[in-house]
Amino acid sequence: AELALALADNRPLPEITNVFSPTLVRRHSVSTPSLEASHHATSD
């Protein structure tokens, strides 16, 4: 969630964030499992 907020903050215009809302959500969805996989690998 913090990452998504940081990305949104990086966006210069809030309108762009609104338009790319689905893209950000998709990215977050893809990033979440990737990060979790890394955590699992490290935990293992």
N, C-alpha and C. Protein backbone atom coordinates (compact mmCIF):
# COMPACT_ATOMS: atom_id res chain seq x y z
N ALA A 1 0.85 -1.21 0.00
CA ALA A 1 0.00 0.00 0.00
C ALA A 1 0.88 1.24 0.00
N GLU A 2 1.92 1.23 0.82
CA GLU A 2 2.81 2.39 0.87
C GLU A 2 3.45 2.62 -0.49
N LEU A 3 3.81 1.54 -1.16
CA LEU A 3 4.43 1.69 -2.49
C LEU A 3 3.46 2.37 -3.43
N ALA A 4 2.22 1.93 -3.42
CA ALA A 4 1.22 2.53 -4.32
C ALA A 4 1.08 4.01 -4.01
N LEU A 5 1.06 4.36 -2.72
CA LEU A 5 0.94 5.77 -2.34
C LEU A 5 2.15 6.54 -2.85
N ALA A 6 3.33 5.96 -2.71
CA ALA A 6 4.55 6.64 -3.17
C ALA A 6 4.47 6.87 -4.67
N LEU A 7 4.03 5.85 -5.40
CA LEU A 7 3.92 6.00 -6.86
C LEU A 7 2.93 7.10 -7.19
N ALA A 8 1.81 7.11 -6.48
CA ALA A 8 0.80 8.15 -6.73
C ALA A 8 1.39 9.52 -6.43
N ASP A 9 2.19 9.60 -5.37
CA ASP A 9 2.80 10.89 -5.02
C ASP A 9 3.78 11.30 -6.10
N ASN A 10 4.46 10.32 -6.70
CA ASN A 10 5.43 10.63 -7.76
C ASN A 10 4.73 11.22 -8.98
N ARG A 11 3.46 10.86 -9.16
CA ARG A 11 2.71 11.39 -10.31
C ARG A 11 2.57 12.90 -10.19
N PRO A 12 2.92 13.64 -11.24
CA PRO A 12 2.84 15.11 -11.20
C PRO A 12 1.41 15.61 -11.12
N LEU A 13 0.50 14.98 -11.87
CA LEU A 13 -0.90 15.45 -11.88
C LEU A 13 -1.82 14.37 -11.33
N PRO A 14 -2.70 14.74 -10.41
CA PRO A 14 -3.64 13.77 -9.84
C PRO A 14 -4.55 13.18 -10.91
N GLU A 15 -4.84 13.99 -11.94
CA GLU A 15 -5.70 13.49 -13.03
C GLU A 15 -5.07 12.26 -13.68
N ILE A 16 -3.76 12.33 -13.89
CA ILE A 16 -3.06 11.19 -14.51
C ILE A 16 -3.21 9.96 -13.61
N THR A 17 -3.07 10.17 -12.31
CA THR A 17 -3.21 9.05 -11.37
C THR A 17 -4.60 8.45 -11.49
N ASN A 18 -5.61 9.32 -11.62
CA ASN A 18 -6.98 8.84 -11.75
C ASN A 18 -7.13 8.02 -13.02
N VAL A 19 -6.56 8.52 -14.11
CA VAL A 19 -6.66 7.82 -15.39
C VAL A 19 -5.90 6.50 -15.32
N PHE A 20 -4.76 6.52 -14.64
CA PHE A 20 -3.94 5.31 -14.55
C PHE A 20 -4.30 4.47 -13.32
N SER A 21 -5.43 4.83 -12.69
CA SER A 21 -5.84 4.10 -11.49
C SER A 21 -5.79 2.59 -11.71
N PRO A 22 -6.45 2.08 -12.76
CA PRO A 22 -6.42 0.63 -13.01
C PRO A 22 -5.01 0.12 -13.22
N THR A 23 -4.18 0.91 -13.90
CA THR A 23 -2.80 0.49 -14.15
C THR A 23 -2.06 0.36 -12.83
N LEU A 24 -2.21 1.34 -11.96
CA LEU A 24 -1.54 1.30 -10.65
C LEU A 24 -2.02 0.10 -9.86
N VAL A 25 -3.33 -0.14 -9.91
CA VAL A 25 -3.89 -1.28 -9.18
C VAL A 25 -3.31 -2.58 -9.73
N ARG A 26 -3.24 -2.68 -11.05
CA ARG A 26 -2.71 -3.90 -11.67
C ARG A 26 -1.25 -4.06 -11.28
N ARG A 27 -0.51 -2.96 -11.32
CA ARG A 27 0.91 -3.02 -10.96
C ARG A 27 1.04 -3.49 -9.51
N HIS A 28 0.21 -2.93 -8.64
CA HIS A 28 0.26 -3.30 -7.23
C HIS A 28 -0.05 -4.80 -7.07
N SER A 29 -1.04 -5.26 -7.84
CA SER A 29 -1.43 -6.67 -7.76
C SER A 29 -0.27 -7.55 -8.21
N VAL A 30 0.45 -7.10 -9.23
CA VAL A 30 1.58 -7.88 -9.75
C VAL A 30 2.77 -7.79 -8.79
N SER A 31 2.95 -6.60 -8.19
CA SER A 31 4.09 -6.40 -7.29
C SER A 31 3.89 -7.16 -5.98
N THR A 32 2.66 -7.20 -5.51
CA THR A 32 2.40 -7.85 -4.23
C THR A 32 2.87 -9.32 -4.23
N PRO A 33 2.44 -10.14 -5.18
CA PRO A 33 2.89 -11.54 -5.20
C PRO A 33 4.39 -11.65 -5.40
N SER A 34 4.96 -10.76 -6.20
CA SER A 34 6.40 -10.80 -6.46
C SER A 34 7.16 -10.58 -5.15
N LEU A 35 6.74 -9.56 -4.41
CA LEU A 35 7.40 -9.26 -3.13
C LEU A 35 7.18 -10.42 -2.16
N GLU A 36 5.97 -10.95 -2.14
CA GLU A 36 5.67 -12.07 -1.24
C GLU A 36 6.54 -13.27 -1.60
N ALA A 37 6.73 -13.51 -2.88
CA ALA A 37 7.54 -14.63 -3.34
C ALA A 37 8.97 -14.45 -2.81
N SER A 38 9.47 -13.22 -2.89
CA SER A 38 10.82 -12.94 -2.39
C SER A 38 10.89 -13.22 -0.90
N HIS A 39 9.86 -12.78 -0.18
CA HIS A 39 9.82 -13.00 1.27
C HIS A 39 9.80 -14.50 1.56
N HIS A 40 9.00 -15.23 0.80
CA HIS A 40 8.91 -16.68 1.00
C HIS A 40 10.27 -17.32 0.74
N ALA A 41 10.92 -16.89 -0.34
CA ALA A 41 12.22 -17.45 -0.69
C ALA A 41 13.22 -17.16 0.43
N THR A 42 13.20 -15.94 0.95
CA THR A 42 14.12 -15.58 2.04
C THR A 42 13.77 -16.38 3.29
N SER A 43 12.48 -16.50 3.57
CA SER A 43 12.04 -17.24 4.75
C SER A 43 12.49 -18.70 4.63
N ASP A 44 12.38 -19.24 3.44
CA ASP A 44 12.82 -20.61 3.20
C ASP A 44 14.33 -20.64 3.31
